[in-house]
Amino acid sequence: MYLDNSALSVLTQDRDLCIIVNNSLSPTAHVMDSVSKAHRRSALILRAFTSQDVNLLVRAYLVYVRPLLEHNTIIWTSYFVKDIEAIQRVQRRFTKRLRGYGNYS
């Protein structure tokens, strides 16, 4: 494509309103980006808090991590099982690292 004799680049995906949109309109790229950020932030919470109080850590998770996973879910709600499992894996990994909760399934 050209505009005023200048070639336009073709993008396969782009970020709009903090949501990654690709050619096929699949939410997978956005889900993987959100999951990656959520894993990093949950690990940071577990490293930064010196207290091992489970209620405090769960509250920190609810305040700082969960909004990353729920941001604009009306628009990008995933219908792929692998995306849903990736989102659930964030919470499962966080709770497994809490004192007293590592043995639960």
N, C-alpha and C. Protein backbone atom coordinates (compact mmCIF):
# COMPACT_ATOMS: atom_id res chain seq x y z
N MET A 1 0.84 -1.17 0.00
CA MET A 1 0.00 0.00 0.00
C MET A 1 0.88 1.23 0.00
N TYR A 2 0.39 2.24 -0.64
CA TYR A 2 1.13 3.49 -0.73
C TYR A 2 0.24 4.66 -0.33
N LEU A 3 0.86 5.65 0.26
CA LEU A 3 0.19 6.89 0.60
C LEU A 3 1.13 8.03 0.23
N ASP A 4 0.74 8.83 -0.70
CA ASP A 4 1.60 9.91 -1.20
C ASP A 4 2.96 9.38 -1.64
N ASN A 5 2.96 8.29 -2.39
CA ASN A 5 4.17 7.66 -2.92
C ASN A 5 5.11 7.15 -1.84
N SER A 6 4.61 6.95 -0.63
CA SER A 6 5.39 6.37 0.45
C SER A 6 4.78 5.02 0.80
N ALA A 7 5.64 4.03 0.94
CA ALA A 7 5.16 2.69 1.27
C ALA A 7 4.71 2.64 2.72
N LEU A 8 3.55 2.05 2.93
CA LEU A 8 3.03 1.87 4.28
C LEU A 8 3.40 0.47 4.76
N SER A 9 3.85 0.39 5.98
CA SER A 9 4.19 -0.92 6.53
C SER A 9 2.92 -1.64 6.97
N VAL A 10 2.94 -2.94 6.84
CA VAL A 10 1.81 -3.76 7.23
C VAL A 10 2.14 -4.40 8.58
N LEU A 11 1.28 -4.16 9.55
CA LEU A 11 1.48 -4.71 10.89
C LEU A 11 0.64 -5.96 11.07
N THR A 12 1.21 -6.94 11.76
CA THR A 12 0.44 -8.14 12.06
C THR A 12 -0.30 -7.99 13.38
N GLN A 13 0.23 -7.15 14.26
CA GLN A 13 -0.47 -6.87 15.52
C GLN A 13 -0.10 -5.47 15.99
N ASP A 14 -1.00 -4.91 16.81
CA ASP A 14 -0.78 -3.58 17.32
C ASP A 14 -1.47 -3.47 18.68
N ARG A 15 -1.05 -2.49 19.45
CA ARG A 15 -1.63 -2.26 20.77
C ARG A 15 -2.54 -1.04 20.67
N ASP A 16 -3.79 -1.22 21.06
CA ASP A 16 -4.76 -0.13 21.04
C ASP A 16 -5.52 -0.17 22.36
N LEU A 17 -5.51 0.94 23.09
CA LEU A 17 -6.15 1.02 24.40
C LEU A 17 -5.65 -0.08 25.33
N CYS A 18 -4.36 -0.33 25.28
CA CYS A 18 -3.68 -1.34 26.11
C CYS A 18 -4.12 -2.77 25.81
N ILE A 19 -4.68 -2.99 24.65
CA ILE A 19 -5.08 -4.33 24.23
C ILE A 19 -4.33 -4.65 22.95
N ILE A 20 -3.70 -5.81 22.90
CA ILE A 20 -2.99 -6.23 21.70
C ILE A 20 -4.00 -6.88 20.75
N VAL A 21 -4.06 -6.33 19.57
CA VAL A 21 -4.99 -6.82 18.54
C VAL A 21 -4.15 -7.30 17.37
N ASN A 22 -4.47 -8.50 16.86
CA ASN A 22 -3.73 -9.01 15.70
C ASN A 22 -4.67 -9.24 14.52
N ASN A 23 -4.11 -9.70 13.42
CA ASN A 23 -4.88 -9.89 12.18
C ASN A 23 -6.09 -10.81 12.35
N SER A 24 -5.91 -11.87 13.13
CA SER A 24 -6.97 -12.86 13.27
C SER A 24 -7.94 -12.54 14.40
N LEU A 25 -7.71 -11.42 15.10
CA LEU A 25 -8.53 -11.01 16.24
C LEU A 25 -8.51 -12.04 17.37
N SER A 26 -7.47 -12.83 17.44
CA SER A 26 -7.30 -13.81 18.51
C SER A 26 -6.79 -13.10 19.77
N PRO A 27 -7.34 -13.41 20.93
CA PRO A 27 -6.89 -12.76 22.17
C PRO A 27 -5.61 -13.35 22.74
N THR A 28 -5.02 -14.35 22.12
CA THR A 28 -3.87 -15.06 22.68
C THR A 28 -2.68 -14.15 22.94
N ALA A 29 -2.35 -13.27 22.03
CA ALA A 29 -1.20 -12.38 22.22
C ALA A 29 -1.42 -11.47 23.42
N HIS A 30 -2.63 -10.95 23.57
CA HIS A 30 -2.93 -10.09 24.70
C HIS A 30 -2.90 -10.87 26.02
N VAL A 31 -3.45 -12.07 26.00
CA VAL A 31 -3.47 -12.90 27.21
C VAL A 31 -2.04 -13.22 27.64
N MET A 32 -1.19 -13.60 26.71
CA MET A 32 0.19 -13.93 27.06
C MET A 32 0.95 -12.71 27.60
N ASP A 33 0.69 -11.55 27.05
CA ASP A 33 1.31 -10.33 27.55
C ASP A 33 0.83 -10.02 28.97
N SER A 34 -0.47 -10.13 29.21
CA SER A 34 -1.03 -9.88 30.54
C SER A 34 -0.53 -10.90 31.56
N VAL A 35 -0.47 -12.16 31.17
CA VAL A 35 0.00 -13.22 32.06
C VAL A 35 1.47 -13.00 32.43
N SER A 36 2.26 -12.60 31.46
CA SER A 36 3.68 -12.33 31.73
C SER A 36 3.85 -11.20 32.74
N LYS A 37 3.11 -10.12 32.56
CA LYS A 37 3.16 -9.01 33.51
C LYS A 37 2.68 -9.44 34.89
N ALA A 38 1.61 -10.24 34.94
CA ALA A 38 1.06 -10.68 36.21
C ALA A 38 2.03 -11.59 36.96
N HIS A 39 2.71 -12.50 36.24
CA HIS A 39 3.70 -13.36 36.88
C HIS A 39 4.84 -12.53 37.47
N ARG A 40 5.31 -11.55 36.72
CA ARG A 40 6.40 -10.71 37.23
C ARG A 40 5.97 -9.93 38.46
N ARG A 41 4.76 -9.37 38.43
CA ARG A 41 4.30 -8.57 39.55
C ARG A 41 4.03 -9.44 40.77
N SER A 42 3.50 -10.64 40.60
CA SER A 42 3.26 -11.52 41.75
C SER A 42 4.57 -11.98 42.37
N ALA A 43 5.57 -12.24 41.55
CA ALA A 43 6.89 -12.61 42.09
C ALA A 43 7.50 -11.43 42.84
N LEU A 44 7.30 -10.24 42.35
CA LEU A 44 7.80 -9.04 43.02
C LEU A 44 7.14 -8.87 44.38
N ILE A 45 5.85 -9.13 44.46
CA ILE A 45 5.13 -9.04 45.74
C ILE A 45 5.72 -10.02 46.74
N LEU A 46 5.95 -11.24 46.31
CA LEU A 46 6.48 -12.26 47.22
C LEU A 46 7.90 -11.94 47.68
N ARG A 47 8.68 -11.27 46.83
CA ARG A 47 10.03 -10.89 47.21
C ARG A 47 10.06 -9.63 48.08
N ALA A 48 9.17 -8.69 47.80
CA ALA A 48 9.23 -7.38 48.44
C ALA A 48 8.67 -7.38 49.86
N PHE A 49 7.64 -8.17 50.12
CA PHE A 49 7.04 -8.17 51.44
C PHE A 49 7.84 -9.06 52.37
N THR A 50 8.30 -8.48 53.46
CA THR A 50 9.05 -9.28 54.44
C THR A 50 8.11 -10.10 55.30
N SER A 51 6.87 -9.63 55.45
CA SER A 51 5.87 -10.36 56.22
C SER A 51 5.41 -11.57 55.42
N GLN A 52 5.22 -12.67 56.09
CA GLN A 52 4.69 -13.86 55.45
C GLN A 52 3.22 -14.06 55.79
N ASP A 53 2.56 -12.99 56.23
CA ASP A 53 1.14 -13.04 56.56
C ASP A 53 0.35 -13.31 55.29
N VAL A 54 -0.36 -14.42 55.27
CA VAL A 54 -1.07 -14.86 54.07
C VAL A 54 -2.16 -13.85 53.69
N ASN A 55 -2.88 -13.31 54.67
CA ASN A 55 -3.94 -12.36 54.36
C ASN A 55 -3.39 -11.10 53.70
N LEU A 56 -2.24 -10.63 54.16
CA LEU A 56 -1.61 -9.45 53.57
C LEU A 56 -1.17 -9.73 52.13
N LEU A 57 -0.56 -10.87 51.91
CA LEU A 57 -0.09 -11.21 50.57
C LEU A 57 -1.23 -11.43 49.59
N VAL A 58 -2.31 -12.04 50.06
CA VAL A 58 -3.48 -12.25 49.19
C VAL A 58 -4.10 -10.90 48.86
N ARG A 59 -4.16 -10.01 49.84
CA ARG A 59 -4.70 -8.66 49.57
C ARG A 59 -3.83 -7.92 48.56
N ALA A 60 -2.52 -8.05 48.69
CA ALA A 60 -1.61 -7.42 47.72
C ALA A 60 -1.83 -8.01 46.32
N TYR A 61 -2.05 -9.32 46.24
CA TYR A 61 -2.34 -9.96 44.96
C TYR A 61 -3.62 -9.38 44.35
N LEU A 62 -4.65 -9.26 45.18
CA LEU A 62 -5.93 -8.75 44.69
C LEU A 62 -5.83 -7.30 44.22
N VAL A 63 -4.98 -6.52 44.87
CA VAL A 63 -4.87 -5.10 44.53
C VAL A 63 -3.94 -4.88 43.34
N TYR A 64 -2.82 -5.61 43.27
CA TYR A 64 -1.79 -5.30 42.28
C TYR A 64 -1.73 -6.25 41.08
N VAL A 65 -2.16 -7.49 41.23
CA VAL A 65 -2.01 -8.47 40.15
C VAL A 65 -3.32 -8.71 39.41
N ARG A 66 -4.37 -8.92 40.15
CA ARG A 66 -5.64 -9.26 39.51
C ARG A 66 -6.15 -8.22 38.53
N PRO A 67 -5.99 -6.92 38.81
CA PRO A 67 -6.43 -5.94 37.80
C PRO A 67 -5.70 -6.08 36.46
N LEU A 68 -4.46 -6.55 36.47
CA LEU A 68 -3.75 -6.78 35.21
C LEU A 68 -4.46 -7.85 34.37
N LEU A 69 -4.95 -8.86 35.04
CA LEU A 69 -5.60 -9.97 34.34
C LEU A 69 -7.03 -9.65 33.94
N GLU A 70 -7.66 -8.71 34.65
CA GLU A 70 -9.06 -8.41 34.39
C GLU A 70 -9.26 -7.15 33.55
N HIS A 71 -8.18 -6.47 33.20
CA HIS A 71 -8.30 -5.22 32.46
C HIS A 71 -8.92 -5.44 31.09
N ASN A 72 -10.05 -4.77 30.82
CA ASN A 72 -10.77 -4.83 29.55
C ASN A 72 -11.18 -6.24 29.15
N THR A 73 -11.56 -7.05 30.10
CA THR A 73 -11.96 -8.43 29.76
C THR A 73 -13.22 -8.47 28.92
N ILE A 74 -14.01 -7.42 28.95
CA ILE A 74 -15.20 -7.38 28.12
C ILE A 74 -14.80 -7.45 26.64
N ILE A 75 -13.68 -6.84 26.31
CA ILE A 75 -13.25 -6.77 24.91
C ILE A 75 -12.50 -8.03 24.48
N TRP A 76 -11.60 -8.53 25.34
CA TRP A 76 -10.71 -9.61 24.88
C TRP A 76 -10.96 -10.96 25.53
N THR A 77 -12.11 -11.19 26.11
CA THR A 77 -12.40 -12.44 26.79
C THR A 77 -11.97 -13.63 25.93
N SER A 78 -11.14 -14.46 26.53
CA SER A 78 -10.60 -15.58 25.78
C SER A 78 -11.56 -16.76 25.78
N TYR A 79 -11.59 -17.46 24.67
CA TYR A 79 -12.41 -18.66 24.55
C TYR A 79 -11.54 -19.89 24.31
N PHE A 80 -10.21 -19.68 24.25
CA PHE A 80 -9.30 -20.80 24.09
C PHE A 80 -8.95 -21.38 25.46
N VAL A 81 -8.95 -22.69 25.57
CA VAL A 81 -8.65 -23.34 26.83
C VAL A 81 -7.23 -23.01 27.29
N LYS A 82 -6.27 -22.95 26.37
CA LYS A 82 -4.88 -22.66 26.74
C LYS A 82 -4.74 -21.26 27.32
N ASP A 83 -5.53 -20.30 26.84
CA ASP A 83 -5.47 -18.95 27.39
C ASP A 83 -6.09 -18.90 28.78
N ILE A 84 -7.20 -19.58 28.96
CA ILE A 84 -7.86 -19.62 30.26
C ILE A 84 -6.96 -20.28 31.29
N GLU A 85 -6.31 -21.37 30.91
CA GLU A 85 -5.40 -22.06 31.82
C GLU A 85 -4.19 -21.19 32.15
N ALA A 86 -3.70 -20.42 31.21
CA ALA A 86 -2.56 -19.53 31.47
C ALA A 86 -2.93 -18.47 32.49
N ILE A 87 -4.14 -17.93 32.39
CA ILE A 87 -4.59 -16.94 33.35
C ILE A 87 -4.74 -17.57 34.73
N GLN A 88 -5.31 -18.75 34.81
CA GLN A 88 -5.49 -19.43 36.09
C GLN A 88 -4.16 -19.84 36.70
N ARG A 89 -3.17 -20.10 35.86
CA ARG A 89 -1.85 -20.51 36.34
C ARG A 89 -1.18 -19.41 37.17
N VAL A 90 -1.49 -18.16 36.89
CA VAL A 90 -0.91 -17.05 37.66
C VAL A 90 -1.33 -17.17 39.12
N GLN A 91 -2.61 -17.34 39.36
CA GLN A 91 -3.11 -17.46 40.73
C GLN A 91 -2.62 -18.74 41.39
N ARG A 92 -2.61 -19.82 40.64
CA ARG A 92 -2.16 -21.10 41.19
C ARG A 92 -0.70 -21.02 41.61
N ARG A 93 0.12 -20.40 40.79
CA ARG A 93 1.55 -20.27 41.12
C ARG A 93 1.76 -19.38 42.34
N PHE A 94 0.97 -18.31 42.44
CA PHE A 94 1.09 -17.41 43.58
C PHE A 94 0.69 -18.12 44.87
N THR A 95 -0.44 -18.82 44.85
CA THR A 95 -0.90 -19.47 46.09
C THR A 95 0.01 -20.63 46.49
N LYS A 96 0.62 -21.31 45.53
CA LYS A 96 1.54 -22.40 45.87
C LYS A 96 2.76 -21.89 46.64
N ARG A 97 3.12 -20.62 46.42
CA ARG A 97 4.30 -20.07 47.08
C ARG A 97 3.98 -19.46 48.44
N LEU A 98 2.70 -19.43 48.83
CA LEU A 98 2.32 -18.92 50.14
C LEU A 98 2.58 -19.97 51.20
N ARG A 99 2.98 -19.51 52.36
CA ARG A 99 3.26 -20.43 53.47
C ARG A 99 2.00 -21.20 53.85
N GLY A 100 2.10 -22.53 53.86
CA GLY A 100 0.99 -23.38 54.24
C GLY A 100 0.07 -23.78 53.11
N TYR A 101 0.25 -23.24 51.92
CA TYR A 101 -0.63 -23.53 50.81
C TYR A 101 0.07 -24.28 49.68
N GLY A 102 1.30 -24.66 49.85
CA GLY A 102 2.06 -25.32 48.79
C GLY A 102 1.61 -26.73 48.48
N ASN A 103 0.94 -27.40 49.43
CA ASN A 103 0.56 -28.79 49.23
C ASN A 103 -0.83 -28.94 48.63
N TYR A 104 -1.58 -27.85 48.55
CA TYR A 104 -2.94 -27.93 48.03
C TYR A 104 -2.95 -27.98 46.51
N SER A 105 -3.94 -28.70 45.97
CA SER A 105 -4.06 -28.79 44.51
C SER A 105 -4.85 -27.60 44.00
